[in-house]
Amino acid sequence: MSKTKKIVVIGGGTGSFTVLSGLKKYPVDISAVVSMTDSGGSNRVIRDELGLLPTSDIRQCFVALAEEGKEQSLRDLFIYRFSKGNGLNGMTFGNLFLAALSDIFGSQVEAIKKTEQLLKTKGRILPITLTDSNLAAVYENGKKVVGEHLIDEPEHRGDLKIKELFLNPKTRIYHEAKKAILNADLVVIGPGDLYTSIIAGLLTEGIAAVLKKTKAKTAYIMNLMTRYGQTFGFTAKDHIHVLEKYLGKDCLDYILINTKPIPKSALTKYKKMKEFPVADDLEDSYFKVIRGDFLSKKETKIVPGDILKRSLIRHDSDKLAKALIKL
């Protein structure tokens, strides 16, 4: 009898949510390793006023991996975002719930474990680090910006390239995340904003060494669109060069890239934001390029109370999961 394959998904936000939602339908052992630098929206309150690590990306992983059916109402509660009230507007119930549990049990790690039990998640959610830290970027003009939300939605010119990204203070990989990666059969990185969702986590001290040491194959899911403020004008090859800068050469085994054309209606909206499809200029190298239709047919709707900028189109959970399981 063959052992259950172990898959680790590294990232955060809607990217990890998409991948996890598809993978949970297969008989695999899933661990979500989540970046811990989010400082926008309700996470600002969670961090500044409650002194906790950001919970929004963790919450999305819970929703993705929660058992469907009987627990649907609980999943809906975790998604629910308040759209009224001076203090609650923009806050999600899931973030408040996790903050309350952390206070009750005196530990965010314990709060995560209790929530996994409550939602009967198919898989574990692990912070990439337990250290509270801020993401900082230095741009090509020498400007320095501190705070993930100010990098994600810049107040400066969004066509400026990021020359260096770092964490202040430095962080160390959470031992449970390290163990999950070392024991994995497949590690999936992305999709997600290159700097604020992906590299933000990969900056954690020890993560690059663990990814080199693990026997797991590593797959990177290429973003569908560029991001003004982060990857303006980037091609697929540019994304890989940035990953190599922080992880080293030969860091990937597979790269999944979408070939399905983006709907014109979405392209028109993206163009106004100075964002465009990521041009595929990849060739097989030390990695294998896997091309296919990974695009969701649905266009994302804005949720009342959500003040953050979100992607209009996303990858399809089932299409991605099917391709990843084949690996």
C-alpha atoms as a PDB file:
ATOM      1  CA  MET A   1       0.000   0.000   0.000  1.00  0.00           C
ATOM      2  CA  SER A   2       1.535   3.301  -1.112  1.00  0.00           C
ATOM      3  CA  LYS A   3       1.925   6.060   1.457  1.00  0.00           C
ATOM      4  CA  THR A   4      -0.144   9.232   1.241  1.00  0.00           C
ATOM      5  CA  LYS A   5       1.728  11.917  -0.684  1.00  0.00           C
ATOM      6  CA  LYS A   6       2.589  15.075   1.232  1.00  0.00           C
ATOM      7  CA  ILE A   7       2.115  18.469  -0.423  1.00  0.00           C
ATOM      8  CA  VAL A   8       3.229  21.794   1.073  1.00  0.00           C
ATOM      9  CA  VAL A   9       1.810  25.047  -0.320  1.00  0.00           C
ATOM     10  CA  ILE A  10       3.878  28.168   0.395  1.00  0.00           C
ATOM     11  CA  GLY A  11       2.412  31.654  -0.022  1.00  0.00           C
ATOM     12  CA  GLY A  12      -0.649  33.466   1.202  1.00  0.00           C
ATOM     13  CA  GLY A  13      -3.836  35.277   0.297  1.00  0.00           C
ATOM     14  CA  THR A  14      -6.097  34.273  -2.553  1.00  0.00           C
ATOM     15  CA  GLY A  15      -3.283  32.394  -4.308  1.00  0.00           C
ATOM     16  CA  SER A  16      -2.933  29.808  -1.544  1.00  0.00           C
ATOM     17  CA  PHE A  17      -6.724  29.754  -1.131  1.00  0.00           C
ATOM     18  CA  THR A  18      -7.103  28.782  -4.803  1.00  0.00           C
ATOM     19  CA  VAL A  19      -4.501  26.009  -4.729  1.00  0.00           C
ATOM     20  CA  LEU A  20      -5.685  24.546  -1.417  1.00  0.00           C
ATOM     21  CA  SER A  21      -9.358  24.557  -2.471  1.00  0.00           C
ATOM     22  CA  GLY A  22      -8.497  22.235  -5.343  1.00  0.00           C
ATOM     23  CA  LEU A  23      -5.964  19.993  -3.610  1.00  0.00           C
ATOM     24  CA  LYS A  24      -8.255  19.145  -0.683  1.00  0.00           C
ATOM     25  CA  LYS A  25     -10.439  17.094  -3.051  1.00  0.00           C
ATOM     26  CA  TYR A  26      -7.617  14.562  -3.475  1.00  0.00           C
ATOM     27  CA  PRO A  27      -6.292  11.924  -1.024  1.00  0.00           C
ATOM     28  CA  VAL A  28      -3.135  13.862  -0.131  1.00  0.00           C
ATOM     29  CA  ASP A  29      -1.616  15.208   3.087  1.00  0.00           C
ATOM     30  CA  ILE A  30      -1.676  19.027   2.855  1.00  0.00           C
ATOM     31  CA  SER A  31       0.273  21.654   4.790  1.00  0.00           C
ATOM     32  CA  ALA A  32      -0.204  25.362   4.103  1.00  0.00           C
ATOM     33  CA  VAL A  33       2.864  27.417   5.059  1.00  0.00           C
ATOM     34  CA  VAL A  34       1.745  31.041   5.290  1.00  0.00           C
ATOM     35  CA  SER A  35       3.668  34.322   4.927  1.00  0.00           C
ATOM     36  CA  MET A  36       3.450  36.556   8.010  1.00  0.00           C
ATOM     37  CA  THR A  37       4.039  40.155   6.865  1.00  0.00           C
ATOM     38  CA  ASP A  38       0.543  41.346   5.888  1.00  0.00           C
ATOM     39  CA  SER A  39      -0.043  44.799   7.375  1.00  0.00           C
ATOM     40  CA  GLY A  40      -3.031  46.138   5.431  1.00  0.00           C
ATOM     41  CA  GLY A  41      -6.744  46.348   6.228  1.00  0.00           C
ATOM     42  CA  SER A  42      -7.831  44.552   9.399  1.00  0.00           C
ATOM     43  CA  ASN A  43      -4.351  43.087   9.865  1.00  0.00           C
ATOM     44  CA  ARG A  44      -3.168  46.548  10.891  1.00  0.00           C
ATOM     45  CA  VAL A  45      -5.552  46.391  13.871  1.00  0.00           C
ATOM     46  CA  ILE A  46      -4.623  42.774  14.642  1.00  0.00           C
ATOM     47  CA  ARG A  47      -0.925  43.667  14.729  1.00  0.00           C
ATOM     48  CA  ASP A  48      -0.850  47.210  16.114  1.00  0.00           C
ATOM     49  CA  GLU A  49      -3.633  47.039  18.682  1.00  0.00           C
ATOM     50  CA  LEU A  50      -3.650  43.365  19.690  1.00  0.00           C
ATOM     51  CA  GLY A  51       0.054  42.579  19.234  1.00  0.00           C
ATOM     52  CA  LEU A  52      -0.625  39.451  17.180  1.00  0.00           C
ATOM     53  CA  LEU A  53       0.766  38.082  13.943  1.00  0.00           C
ATOM     54  CA  PRO A  54      -1.421  38.866  10.891  1.00  0.00           C
ATOM     55  CA  THR A  55      -4.309  36.423  10.480  1.00  0.00           C
ATOM     56  CA  SER A  56      -5.996  37.208   7.132  1.00  0.00           C
ATOM     57  CA  ASP A  57      -3.922  34.767   5.066  1.00  0.00           C
ATOM     58  CA  ILE A  58      -4.292  32.090   7.744  1.00  0.00           C
ATOM     59  CA  ARG A  59      -8.059  32.664   7.723  1.00  0.00           C
ATOM     60  CA  GLN A  60      -8.214  32.173   3.943  1.00  0.00           C
ATOM     61  CA  CYS A  61      -6.365  28.873   4.293  1.00  0.00           C
ATOM     62  CA  PHE A  62      -8.882  27.749   6.914  1.00  0.00           C
ATOM     63  CA  VAL A  63     -11.769  28.538   4.583  1.00  0.00           C
ATOM     64  CA  ALA A  64     -10.081  26.702   1.698  1.00  0.00           C
ATOM     65  CA  LEU A  65      -9.360  23.548   3.712  1.00  0.00           C
ATOM     66  CA  ALA A  66     -12.517  23.436   5.861  1.00  0.00           C
ATOM     67  CA  GLU A  67     -14.768  20.418   5.535  1.00  0.00           C
ATOM     68  CA  GLU A  68     -17.686  21.189   3.260  1.00  0.00           C
ATOM     69  CA  GLY A  69     -21.282  20.262   3.995  1.00  0.00           C
ATOM     70  CA  LYS A  70     -22.200  20.452   7.665  1.00  0.00           C
ATOM     71  CA  GLU A  71     -19.523  23.071   8.365  1.00  0.00           C
ATOM     72  CA  GLN A  72     -20.663  25.415   5.548  1.00  0.00           C
ATOM     73  CA  SER A  73     -22.177  27.936   7.963  1.00  0.00           C
ATOM     74  CA  LEU A  74     -18.889  28.108   9.888  1.00  0.00           C
ATOM     75  CA  ARG A  75     -16.991  28.653   6.629  1.00  0.00           C
ATOM     76  CA  ASP A  76     -19.412  31.426   5.715  1.00  0.00           C
ATOM     77  CA  LEU A  77     -18.855  33.022   9.121  1.00  0.00           C
ATOM     78  CA  PHE A  78     -15.081  33.026   8.609  1.00  0.00           C
ATOM     79  CA  ILE A  79     -15.530  34.754   5.238  1.00  0.00           C
ATOM     80  CA  TYR A  80     -18.034  37.313   6.540  1.00  0.00           C
ATOM     81  CA  ARG A  81     -16.705  40.877   6.391  1.00  0.00           C
ATOM     82  CA  PHE A  82     -18.343  43.700   8.359  1.00  0.00           C
ATOM     83  CA  SER A  83     -19.317  46.654   6.162  1.00  0.00           C
ATOM     84  CA  LYS A  84     -20.689  48.945   8.890  1.00  0.00           C
ATOM     85  CA  GLY A  85     -19.439  50.511  12.108  1.00  0.00           C
ATOM     86  CA  ASN A  86     -16.383  52.683  12.688  1.00  0.00           C
ATOM     87  CA  GLY A  87     -14.421  49.981  14.449  1.00  0.00           C
ATOM     88  CA  LEU A  88     -15.680  46.900  12.607  1.00  0.00           C
ATOM     89  CA  ASN A  89     -15.932  48.134   9.014  1.00  0.00           C
ATOM     90  CA  GLY A  90     -13.584  46.025   6.862  1.00  0.00           C
ATOM     91  CA  MET A  91     -12.906  43.493   9.624  1.00  0.00           C
ATOM     92  CA  THR A  92     -13.684  39.807   9.030  1.00  0.00           C
ATOM     93  CA  PHE A  93     -15.345  37.561  11.585  1.00  0.00           C
ATOM     94  CA  GLY A  94     -12.569  35.002  11.038  1.00  0.00           C
ATOM     95  CA  ASN A  95      -9.866  37.456  12.081  1.00  0.00           C
ATOM     96  CA  LEU A  96     -11.808  38.428  15.222  1.00  0.00           C
ATOM     97  CA  PHE A  97     -12.404  34.766  16.048  1.00  0.00           C
ATOM     98  CA  LEU A  98      -8.702  33.910  15.761  1.00  0.00           C
ATOM     99  CA  ALA A  99      -7.765  36.939  17.857  1.00  0.00           C
ATOM    100  CA  ALA A 100     -10.235  35.881  20.578  1.00  0.00           C
ATOM    101  CA  LEU A 101      -8.969  32.289  20.623  1.00  0.00           C
ATOM    102  CA  SER A 102      -5.373  33.523  20.822  1.00  0.00           C
ATOM    103  CA  ASP A 103      -6.308  35.533  23.903  1.00  0.00           C
ATOM    104  CA  ILE A 104      -8.197  32.632  25.487  1.00  0.00           C
ATOM    105  CA  PHE A 105      -5.411  30.073  24.968  1.00  0.00           C
ATOM    106  CA  GLY A 106      -2.508  32.523  25.214  1.00  0.00           C
ATOM    107  CA  SER A 107      -1.035  31.433  21.909  1.00  0.00           C
ATOM    108  CA  GLN A 108      -1.774  31.943  18.214  1.00  0.00           C
ATOM    109  CA  VAL A 109      -0.353  28.516  17.453  1.00  0.00           C
ATOM    110  CA  GLU A 110      -2.852  26.959  19.866  1.00  0.00           C
ATOM    111  CA  ALA A 111      -5.644  29.098  18.372  1.00  0.00           C
ATOM    112  CA  ILE A 112      -4.800  27.746  14.911  1.00  0.00           C
ATOM    113  CA  LYS A 113      -4.890  24.139  16.168  1.00  0.00           C
ATOM    114  CA  LYS A 114      -8.268  24.655  17.881  1.00  0.00           C
ATOM    115  CA  THR A 115      -9.712  26.232  14.719  1.00  0.00           C
ATOM    116  CA  GLU A 116      -8.455  23.323  12.597  1.00  0.00           C
ATOM    117  CA  GLN A 117     -10.420  21.000  14.893  1.00  0.00           C
ATOM    118  CA  LEU A 118     -13.541  23.159  14.769  1.00  0.00           C
ATOM    119  CA  LEU A 119     -13.591  23.493  10.970  1.00  0.00           C
ATOM    120  CA  LYS A 120     -12.342  19.925  10.459  1.00  0.00           C
ATOM    121  CA  THR A 121      -9.762  21.149   8.002  1.00  0.00           C
ATOM    122  CA  LYS A 122      -8.246  18.746   5.532  1.00  0.00           C
ATOM    123  CA  GLY A 123      -4.674  19.738   6.242  1.00  0.00           C
ATOM    124  CA  ARG A 124      -2.605  21.894   8.565  1.00  0.00           C
ATOM    125  CA  ILE A 125      -2.038  25.640   8.523  1.00  0.00           C
ATOM    126  CA  LEU A 126       1.426  26.723   9.658  1.00  0.00           C
ATOM    127  CA  PRO A 127       2.833  30.249   9.980  1.00  0.00           C
ATOM    128  CA  ILE A 128       6.170  30.433   8.149  1.00  0.00           C
ATOM    129  CA  THR A 129       7.562  32.185  11.240  1.00  0.00           C
ATOM    130  CA  LEU A 130       6.400  33.161  14.734  1.00  0.00           C
ATOM    131  CA  THR A 131       8.388  36.412  14.720  1.00  0.00           C
ATOM    132  CA  ASP A 132       6.562  39.700  14.259  1.00  0.00           C
ATOM    133  CA  SER A 133       8.336  41.533  11.454  1.00  0.00           C
ATOM    134  CA  ASN A 134       7.796  44.245   8.836  1.00  0.00           C
ATOM    135  CA  LEU A 135       8.494  43.946   5.139  1.00  0.00           C
ATOM    136  CA  ALA A 136      10.684  46.694   3.653  1.00  0.00           C
ATOM    137  CA  ALA A 137      11.596  47.495   0.050  1.00  0.00           C
ATOM    138  CA  VAL A 138      14.308  49.611  -1.549  1.00  0.00           C
ATOM    139  CA  TYR A 139      13.497  50.867  -5.052  1.00  0.00           C
ATOM    140  CA  GLU A 140      15.726  51.665  -8.014  1.00  0.00           C
ATOM    141  CA  ASN A 141      15.591  55.394  -7.187  1.00  0.00           C
ATOM    142  CA  GLY A 142      16.855  54.716  -3.656  1.00  0.00           C
ATOM    143  CA  LYS A 143      13.465  55.208  -1.988  1.00  0.00           C
ATOM    144  CA  LYS A 144      12.790  52.939   1.008  1.00  0.00           C
ATOM    145  CA  VAL A 145       9.278  51.861   2.002  1.00  0.00           C
ATOM    146  CA  VAL A 146       8.414  49.949   5.183  1.00  0.00           C
ATOM    147  CA  GLY A 147       5.151  48.015   5.507  1.00  0.00           C
ATOM    148  CA  GLU A 148       3.688  45.307   3.294  1.00  0.00           C
ATOM    149  CA  HIS A 149       0.539  47.317   2.537  1.00  0.00           C
ATOM    150  CA  LEU A 150       2.573  50.316   1.304  1.00  0.00           C
ATOM    151  CA  ILE A 151       4.540  48.035  -1.036  1.00  0.00           C
ATOM    152  CA  ASP A 152       1.396  46.241  -2.168  1.00  0.00           C
ATOM    153  CA  GLU A 153      -0.514  49.457  -2.888  1.00  0.00           C
ATOM    154  CA  PRO A 154       2.222  52.087  -3.302  1.00  0.00           C
ATOM    155  CA  GLU A 155       1.796  55.792  -2.804  1.00  0.00           C
ATOM    156  CA  HIS A 156       4.783  56.350  -5.118  1.00  0.00           C
ATOM    157  CA  ARG A 157       5.190  55.630  -8.846  1.00  0.00           C
ATOM    158  CA  GLY A 158       4.238  52.006  -9.455  1.00  0.00           C
ATOM    159  CA  ASP A 159       6.619  51.525 -12.371  1.00  0.00           C
ATOM    160  CA  LEU A 160       9.671  51.782 -10.117  1.00  0.00           C
ATOM    161  CA  LYS A 161      11.453  48.451  -9.766  1.00  0.00           C
ATOM    162  CA  ILE A 162      12.176  46.912  -6.372  1.00  0.00           C
ATOM    163  CA  LYS A 163      15.926  46.414  -6.037  1.00  0.00           C
ATOM    164  CA  GLU A 164      15.972  44.856  -2.579  1.00  0.00           C
ATOM    165  CA  LEU A 165      13.464  43.375  -0.173  1.00  0.00           C
ATOM    166  CA  PHE A 166      14.147  42.553   3.473  1.00  0.00           C
ATOM    167  CA  LEU A 167      12.506  41.865   6.832  1.00  0.00           C
ATOM    168  CA  ASN A 168      12.944  44.034   9.903  1.00  0.00           C
ATOM    169  CA  PRO A 169      13.632  42.382  12.257  1.00  0.00           C
ATOM    170  CA  LYS A 170      14.936  39.192  10.644  1.00  0.00           C
ATOM    171  CA  THR A 171      12.779  36.122  11.175  1.00  0.00           C
ATOM    172  CA  ARG A 172      13.484  32.437  11.684  1.00  0.00           C
ATOM    173  CA  ILE A 173      11.494  29.591  10.121  1.00  0.00           C
ATOM    174  CA  TYR A 174       8.895  27.993  12.434  1.00  0.00           C
ATOM    175  CA  HIS A 175      10.117  24.483  13.263  1.00  0.00           C
ATOM    176  CA  GLU A 176       6.813  22.837  12.266  1.00  0.00           C
ATOM    177  CA  ALA A 177       6.952  24.549   8.846  1.00  0.00           C
ATOM    178  CA  LYS A 178      10.531  23.372   8.416  1.00  0.00           C
ATOM    179  CA  LYS A 179       9.556  19.793   9.274  1.00  0.00           C
ATOM    180  CA  ALA A 180       6.626  19.859   6.827  1.00  0.00           C
ATOM    181  CA  ILE A 181       8.857  21.001   3.944  1.00  0.00           C
ATOM    182  CA  LEU A 182      11.559  18.439   4.713  1.00  0.00           C
ATOM    183  CA  ASN A 183       8.984  15.615   4.737  1.00  0.00           C
ATOM    184  CA  ALA A 184       7.104  16.779   1.622  1.00  0.00           C
ATOM    185  CA  ASP A 185       6.855  15.037  -1.741  1.00  0.00           C
ATOM    186  CA  LEU A 186       5.882  18.251  -3.533  1.00  0.00           C
ATOM    187  CA  VAL A 187       6.287  21.917  -2.565  1.00  0.00           C
ATOM    188  CA  VAL A 188       4.045  24.408  -4.353  1.00  0.00           C
ATOM    189  CA  ILE A 189       5.011  28.095  -4.410  1.00  0.00           C
ATOM    190  CA  GLY A 190       2.395  30.648  -5.447  1.00  0.00           C
ATOM    191  CA  PRO A 191       0.481  31.992  -7.160  1.00  0.00           C
ATOM    192  CA  GLY A 192       0.424  35.399  -5.480  1.00  0.00           C
ATOM    193  CA  ASP A 193       1.949  38.866  -5.578  1.00  0.00           C
ATOM    194  CA  LEU A 194       5.611  38.161  -6.231  1.00  0.00           C
ATOM    195  CA  TYR A 195       7.138  40.376  -3.562  1.00  0.00           C
ATOM    196  CA  THR A 196       4.462  40.773  -0.883  1.00  0.00           C
ATOM    197  CA  SER A 197       3.017  37.230  -0.865  1.00  0.00           C
ATOM    198  CA  ILE A 198       5.846  35.022  -2.142  1.00  0.00           C
ATOM    199  CA  ILE A 199       9.258  36.601  -1.519  1.00  0.00           C
ATOM    200  CA  ALA A 200       8.008  38.038   1.811  1.00  0.00           C
ATOM    201  CA  GLY A 201       7.791  34.469   3.111  1.00  0.00           C
ATOM    202  CA  LEU A 202      10.915  33.199   1.360  1.00  0.00           C
ATOM    203  CA  LEU A 203      12.975  35.898   3.121  1.00  0.00           C
ATOM    204  CA  THR A 204      12.488  33.975   6.366  1.00  0.00           C
ATOM    205  CA  GLU A 205      15.876  32.766   7.588  1.00  0.00           C
ATOM    206  CA  GLY A 206      16.279  29.052   6.980  1.00  0.00           C
ATOM    207  CA  ILE A 207      13.639  28.668   4.270  1.00  0.00           C
ATOM    208  CA  ALA A 208      16.050  28.684   1.316  1.00  0.00           C
ATOM    209  CA  ALA A 209      18.285  26.084   2.984  1.00  0.00           C
ATOM    210  CA  VAL A 210      15.303  23.848   3.775  1.00  0.00           C
ATOM    211  CA  LEU A 211      14.041  24.042   0.180  1.00  0.00           C
ATOM    212  CA  LYS A 212      17.495  22.987  -1.036  1.00  0.00           C
ATOM    213  CA  LYS A 213      17.683  20.158   1.500  1.00  0.00           C
ATOM    214  CA  THR A 214      14.239  18.632   0.955  1.00  0.00           C
ATOM    215  CA  LYS A 215      13.849  15.773  -1.489  1.00  0.00           C
ATOM    216  CA  ALA A 216      10.511  17.199  -2.576  1.00  0.00           C
ATOM    217  CA  LYS A 217      10.003  18.497  -6.109  1.00  0.00           C
ATOM    218  CA  THR A 218       9.204  22.210  -6.225  1.00  0.00           C
ATOM    219  CA  ALA A 219       6.555  23.740  -8.481  1.00  0.00           C
ATOM    220  CA  TYR A 220       6.002  27.467  -9.009  1.00  0.00           C
ATOM    221  CA  ILE A 221       2.657  28.717 -10.322  1.00  0.00           C
ATOM    222  CA  MET A 222       3.221  31.763 -12.510  1.00  0.00           C
ATOM    223  CA  ASN A 223       0.948  34.748 -11.942  1.00  0.00           C
ATOM    224  CA  LEU A 224      -1.645  35.562 -14.593  1.00  0.00           C
ATOM    225  CA  MET A 225      -1.089  39.315 -14.530  1.00  0.00           C
ATOM    226  CA  THR A 226       1.643  41.818 -13.699  1.00  0.00           C
ATOM    227  CA  ARG A 227       1.120  44.012 -10.621  1.00  0.00           C
ATOM    228  CA  TYR A 228       1.585  47.768 -10.797  1.00  0.00           C
ATOM    229  CA  GLY A 229       3.874  48.670  -7.933  1.00  0.00           C
ATOM    230  CA  GLN A 230       5.610  45.287  -7.880  1.00  0.00           C
ATOM    231  CA  THR A 231       6.068  43.643 -11.259  1.00  0.00           C
ATOM    232  CA  PHE A 232       5.246  46.370 -13.795  1.00  0.00           C
ATOM    233  CA  GLY A 233       6.512  45.229 -17.212  1.00  0.00           C
ATOM    234  CA  PHE A 234       7.666  41.828 -15.894  1.00  0.00           C
ATOM    235  CA  THR A 235       7.729  38.775 -18.150  1.00  0.00           C
ATOM    236  CA  ALA A 236       7.622  35.193 -16.846  1.00  0.00           C
ATOM    237  CA  LYS A 237      11.425  35.058 -16.998  1.00  0.00           C
ATOM    238  CA  ASP A 238      11.659  38.184 -14.838  1.00  0.00           C
ATOM    239  CA  HIS A 239       9.561  36.466 -12.148  1.00  0.00           C
ATOM    240  CA  ILE A 240      11.933  33.479 -12.162  1.00  0.00           C
ATOM    241  CA  HIS A 241      15.017  35.714 -11.921  1.00  0.00           C
ATOM    242  CA  VAL A 242      13.598  37.307  -8.763  1.00  0.00           C
ATOM    243  CA  LEU A 243      12.906  33.888  -7.216  1.00  0.00           C
ATOM    244  CA  GLU A 244      16.458  32.790  -8.074  1.00  0.00           C
ATOM    245  CA  LYS A 245      17.842  35.913  -6.400  1.00  0.00           C
ATOM    246  CA  TYR A 246      16.367  34.881  -3.062  1.00  0.00           C
ATOM    247  CA  LEU A 247      16.387  31.086  -3.354  1.00  0.00           C
ATOM    248  CA  GLY A 248      19.426  30.493  -5.551  1.00  0.00           C
ATOM    249  CA  LYS A 249      19.750  28.798  -8.930  1.00  0.00           C
ATOM    250  CA  ASP A 250      18.194  25.388  -9.535  1.00  0.00           C
ATOM    251  CA  CYS A 251      15.472  26.237  -7.013  1.00  0.00           C
ATOM    252  CA  LEU A 252      12.537  24.980  -9.116  1.00  0.00           C
ATOM    253  CA  ASP A 253      11.589  21.723 -10.811  1.00  0.00           C
ATOM    254  CA  TYR A 254       8.361  22.795 -12.521  1.00  0.00           C
ATOM    255  CA  ILE A 255       6.755  26.047 -13.593  1.00  0.00           C
ATOM    256  CA  LEU A 256       3.029  26.065 -14.366  1.00  0.00           C
ATOM    257  CA  ILE A 257       1.927  28.835 -16.703  1.00  0.00           C
ATOM    258  CA  ASN A 258      -1.507  29.619 -18.103  1.00  0.00           C
ATOM    259  CA  THR A 259      -2.054  29.675 -21.885  1.00  0.00           C
ATOM    260  CA  LYS A 260      -5.773  30.524 -21.904  1.00  0.00           C
ATOM    261  CA  PRO A 261      -6.364  34.104 -23.125  1.00  0.00           C
ATOM    262  CA  ILE A 262      -7.652  36.552 -20.498  1.00  0.00           C
ATOM    263  CA  PRO A 263     -11.212  37.809 -21.305  1.00  0.00           C
ATOM    264  CA  LYS A 264     -11.237  41.224 -23.017  1.00  0.00           C
ATOM    265  CA  SER A 265     -13.588  42.666 -20.386  1.00  0.00           C
ATOM    266  CA  ALA A 266     -11.039  41.916 -17.650  1.00  0.00           C
ATOM    267  CA  LEU A 267      -8.113  43.133 -19.765  1.00  0.00           C
ATOM    268  CA  THR A 268      -9.813  46.499 -20.236  1.00  0.00           C
ATOM    269  CA  LYS A 269     -10.192  46.936 -16.467  1.00  0.00           C
ATOM    270  CA  TYR A 270      -6.624  45.815 -15.803  1.00  0.00           C
ATOM    271  CA  LYS A 271      -5.230  48.181 -18.433  1.00  0.00           C
ATOM    272  CA  LYS A 272      -6.672  51.129 -16.505  1.00  0.00           C
ATOM    273  CA  MET A 273      -4.630  49.917 -13.511  1.00  0.00           C
ATOM    274  CA  LYS A 274      -1.514  49.554 -15.723  1.00  0.00           C
ATOM    275  CA  GLU A 275      -1.513  45.792 -15.316  1.00  0.00           C
ATOM    276  CA  PHE A 276      -1.120  43.275 -18.154  1.00  0.00           C
ATOM    277  CA  PRO A 277      -0.902  39.500 -18.771  1.00  0.00           C
ATOM    278  CA  VAL A 278       2.482  38.012 -17.870  1.00  0.00           C
ATOM    279  CA  ALA A 279       4.240  37.332 -21.188  1.00  0.00           C
ATOM    280  CA  ASP A 280       5.440  33.741 -21.538  1.00  0.00           C
ATOM    281  CA  ASP A 281       9.100  33.915 -22.588  1.00  0.00           C
ATOM    282  CA  LEU A 282      10.166  30.726 -20.780  1.00  0.00           C
ATOM    283  CA  GLU A 283      12.089  27.782 -22.151  1.00  0.00           C
ATOM    284  CA  ASP A 284      12.830  24.490 -20.418  1.00  0.00           C
ATOM    285  CA  SER A 285      15.983  24.970 -18.357  1.00  0.00           C
ATOM    286  CA  TYR A 286      16.874  23.232 -15.107  1.00  0.00           C
ATOM    287  CA  PHE A 287      13.087  23.314 -14.686  1.00  0.00           C
ATOM    288  CA  LYS A 288      10.273  21.917 -16.834  1.00  0.00           C
ATOM    289  CA  VAL A 289       7.633  24.366 -18.078  1.00  0.00           C
ATOM    290  CA  ILE A 290       4.067  23.026 -17.898  1.00  0.00           C
ATOM    291  CA  ARG A 291       1.639  25.021 -20.024  1.00  0.00           C
ATOM    292  CA  GLY A 292      -2.130  24.686 -19.971  1.00  0.00           C
ATOM    293  CA  ASP A 293      -5.502  26.266 -19.401  1.00  0.00           C
ATOM    294  CA  PHE A 294      -5.401  27.150 -15.703  1.00  0.00           C
ATOM    295  CA  LEU A 295      -7.772  30.114 -15.902  1.00  0.00           C
ATOM    296  CA  SER A 296     -10.999  30.415 -13.935  1.00  0.00           C
ATOM    297  CA  LYS A 297     -14.050  31.487 -15.939  1.00  0.00           C
ATOM    298  CA  LYS A 298     -15.349  33.554 -13.023  1.00  0.00           C
ATOM    299  CA  GLU A 299     -14.549  37.240 -12.557  1.00  0.00           C
ATOM    300  CA  THR A 300     -14.032  38.200  -8.911  1.00  0.00           C
ATOM    301  CA  LYS A 301     -16.743  40.278  -7.262  1.00  0.00           C
ATOM    302  CA  ILE A 302     -15.953  42.987  -4.728  1.00  0.00           C
ATOM    303  CA  VAL A 303     -17.149  42.149  -1.205  1.00  0.00           C
ATOM    304  CA  PRO A 304     -18.816  44.999   0.737  1.00  0.00           C
ATOM    305  CA  GLY A 305     -16.453  46.408   3.358  1.00  0.00           C
ATOM    306  CA  ASP A 306     -13.312  45.183   1.583  1.00  0.00           C
ATOM    307  CA  ILE A 307     -11.072  48.221   1.096  1.00  0.00           C
ATOM    308  CA  LEU A 308      -8.077  46.373  -0.350  1.00  0.00           C
ATOM    309  CA  LYS A 309      -7.280  45.953  -4.034  1.00  0.00           C
ATOM    310  CA  ARG A 310      -8.046  42.413  -5.267  1.00  0.00           C
ATOM    311  CA  SER A 311      -7.375  40.507  -8.483  1.00  0.00           C
ATOM    312  CA  LEU A 312     -10.222  40.461 -11.011  1.00  0.00           C
ATOM    313  CA  ILE A 313      -9.416  37.073 -12.517  1.00  0.00           C
ATOM    314  CA  ARG A 314      -7.808  34.075 -10.873  1.00  0.00           C
ATOM    315  CA  HIS A 315      -6.527  30.589 -11.513  1.00  0.00           C
ATOM    316  CA  ASP A 316      -9.015  27.720 -11.498  1.00  0.00           C
ATOM    317  CA  SER A 317      -8.677  25.562  -8.359  1.00  0.00           C
ATOM    318  CA  ASP A 318      -9.578  22.273 -10.003  1.00  0.00           C
ATOM    319  CA  LYS A 319      -7.401  22.773 -13.090  1.00  0.00           C
ATOM    320  CA  LEU A 320      -4.371  23.615 -10.958  1.00  0.00           C
ATOM    321  CA  ALA A 321      -4.952  20.722  -8.564  1.00  0.00           C
ATOM    322  CA  LYS A 322      -5.270  18.236 -11.423  1.00  0.00           C
ATOM    323  CA  ALA A 323      -1.937  19.381 -12.895  1.00  0.00           C
ATOM    324  CA  LEU A 324      -0.205  19.355  -9.512  1.00  0.00           C
ATOM    325  CA  ILE A 325      -1.454  15.877  -8.597  1.00  0.00           C
ATOM    326  CA  LYS A 326       0.034  14.555 -11.890  1.00  0.00           C
ATOM    327  CA  LEU A 327       3.429  15.780 -10.693  1.00  0.00           C
END
